[in-house]
């Protein structure tokens, strides 16, 4: 469950970054983070702290709650996709 949550958060960050048409390097610079760490977050390899989440959200022009809501949206979409695939398999 934790891995799934980290993956969904990473996807939400990547989608928000892509919406700005920024590279990971640009987002890292704006959030005062290391570029490789941003990449690890986007791949769901690390669990970012609340401070890091806030840095990312502010850099992306979002409130932290908005970024987390996007994470929940990704998680919901993935769950719906799994249900659809299971229905097809039956």
Protein backbone atom coordinates (compact mmCIF):
# COMPACT_ATOMS: atom_id res chain seq x y z
CA UNK A 1 0.00 0.00 0.00
CA UNK A 2 2.84 2.42 0.83
CA UNK A 3 4.58 1.68 -2.48
CA UNK A 4 1.34 2.32 -4.36
CA UNK A 5 0.89 5.64 -2.56
CA UNK A 6 4.48 6.69 -3.35
CA UNK A 7 3.97 5.76 -7.01
CA UNK A 8 0.75 7.77 -7.19
CA UNK A 9 2.36 10.79 -5.55
CA UNK A 10 5.23 10.57 -8.03
CA UNK A 11 2.83 10.43 -10.96
CA UNK A 12 0.96 13.46 -9.61
CA UNK A 13 4.22 15.42 -9.32
CA UNK A 14 5.27 14.39 -12.84
CA UNK A 15 1.90 15.37 -14.30
CA UNK A 16 2.03 18.78 -12.61
CA UNK A 17 5.61 19.29 -13.79
CA UNK A 18 4.70 18.27 -17.33
CA UNK A 19 1.79 20.73 -17.30
CA UNK A 20 4.37 23.48 -16.76
CA UNK A 21 6.57 21.92 -19.47
CA UNK A 22 9.47 21.84 -17.01
CA UNK A 23 12.32 19.41 -16.83
CA UNK A 24 13.08 17.65 -13.57
CA UNK A 25 16.06 19.96 -13.29
CA UNK A 26 13.84 23.04 -13.54
CA UNK A 27 11.44 21.76 -10.89
CA UNK A 28 14.34 20.81 -8.63
CA UNK A 29 15.80 24.29 -8.96
CA UNK A 30 12.48 26.00 -8.19
CA UNK A 31 11.86 23.68 -5.21
CA UNK A 32 15.46 23.89 -3.95
CA UNK A 33 15.88 20.12 -4.24
CA UNK A 34 18.39 17.83 -5.93
CA UNK A 35 17.37 16.79 -9.47
CA UNK A 36 18.06 13.12 -8.83
CA UNK A 37 15.86 13.27 -5.72
CA UNK A 38 13.00 14.73 -7.77
CA UNK A 39 13.46 11.82 -10.18
CA UNK A 40 13.30 9.33 -7.33
CA UNK A 41 10.09 10.96 -6.07
CA UNK A 42 8.53 10.80 -9.53
CA UNK A 43 9.44 7.11 -9.82
CA UNK A 44 7.98 6.37 -6.38
CA UNK A 45 11.35 5.20 -5.03
CA UNK A 46 11.40 7.46 -1.96
CA UNK A 47 8.94 8.78 0.59
CA UNK A 48 9.16 12.57 0.61
CA UNK A 49 8.84 14.44 3.88
CA UNK A 50 6.08 16.98 4.47
CA UNK A 51 8.64 19.74 3.98
CA UNK A 52 9.63 18.29 0.60
CA UNK A 53 5.99 17.94 -0.43
CA UNK A 54 5.40 21.57 0.43
CA UNK A 55 8.50 22.66 -1.52
CA UNK A 56 7.26 20.77 -4.57
CA UNK A 57 3.72 22.11 -4.25
CA UNK A 58 4.86 25.72 -3.90
CA UNK A 59 7.27 25.38 -6.82
CA UNK A 60 4.39 24.02 -8.92
CA UNK A 61 2.08 26.87 -7.85
CA UNK A 62 -0.15 24.58 -5.79
CA UNK A 63 -1.16 24.22 -2.19
CA UNK A 64 0.09 21.01 -0.63
CA UNK A 65 -3.53 19.86 -0.26
CA UNK A 66 -4.02 20.31 -4.02
CA UNK A 67 -0.96 18.19 -4.78
CA UNK A 68 -2.19 15.48 -2.43
CA UNK A 69 -5.65 15.65 -4.00
CA UNK A 70 -4.02 15.03 -7.38
CA UNK A 71 -2.29 12.04 -5.84
CA UNK A 72 -5.67 10.73 -4.68
CA UNK A 73 -7.08 11.28 -8.18
CA UNK A 74 -4.26 9.22 -9.70
CA UNK A 75 -4.82 6.49 -7.13
CA UNK A 76 -8.56 6.43 -7.86
CA UNK A 77 -7.96 6.31 -11.63
CA UNK A 78 -5.58 3.38 -11.20
CA UNK A 79 -8.09 1.53 -9.04
CA UNK A 80 -10.82 2.07 -11.63
CA UNK A 81 -8.50 0.81 -14.38
CA UNK A 82 -7.75 -2.35 -12.37
CA UNK A 83 -11.48 -2.94 -11.86
CA UNK A 84 -12.11 -2.53 -15.58
CA UNK A 85 -9.36 -5.00 -16.42
CA UNK A 86 -10.75 -7.49 -13.91
CA UNK A 87 -14.23 -7.14 -15.43
CA UNK A 88 -12.83 -7.81 -18.90
CA UNK A 89 -11.00 -10.89 -17.63
CA UNK A 90 -14.24 -12.37 -16.26
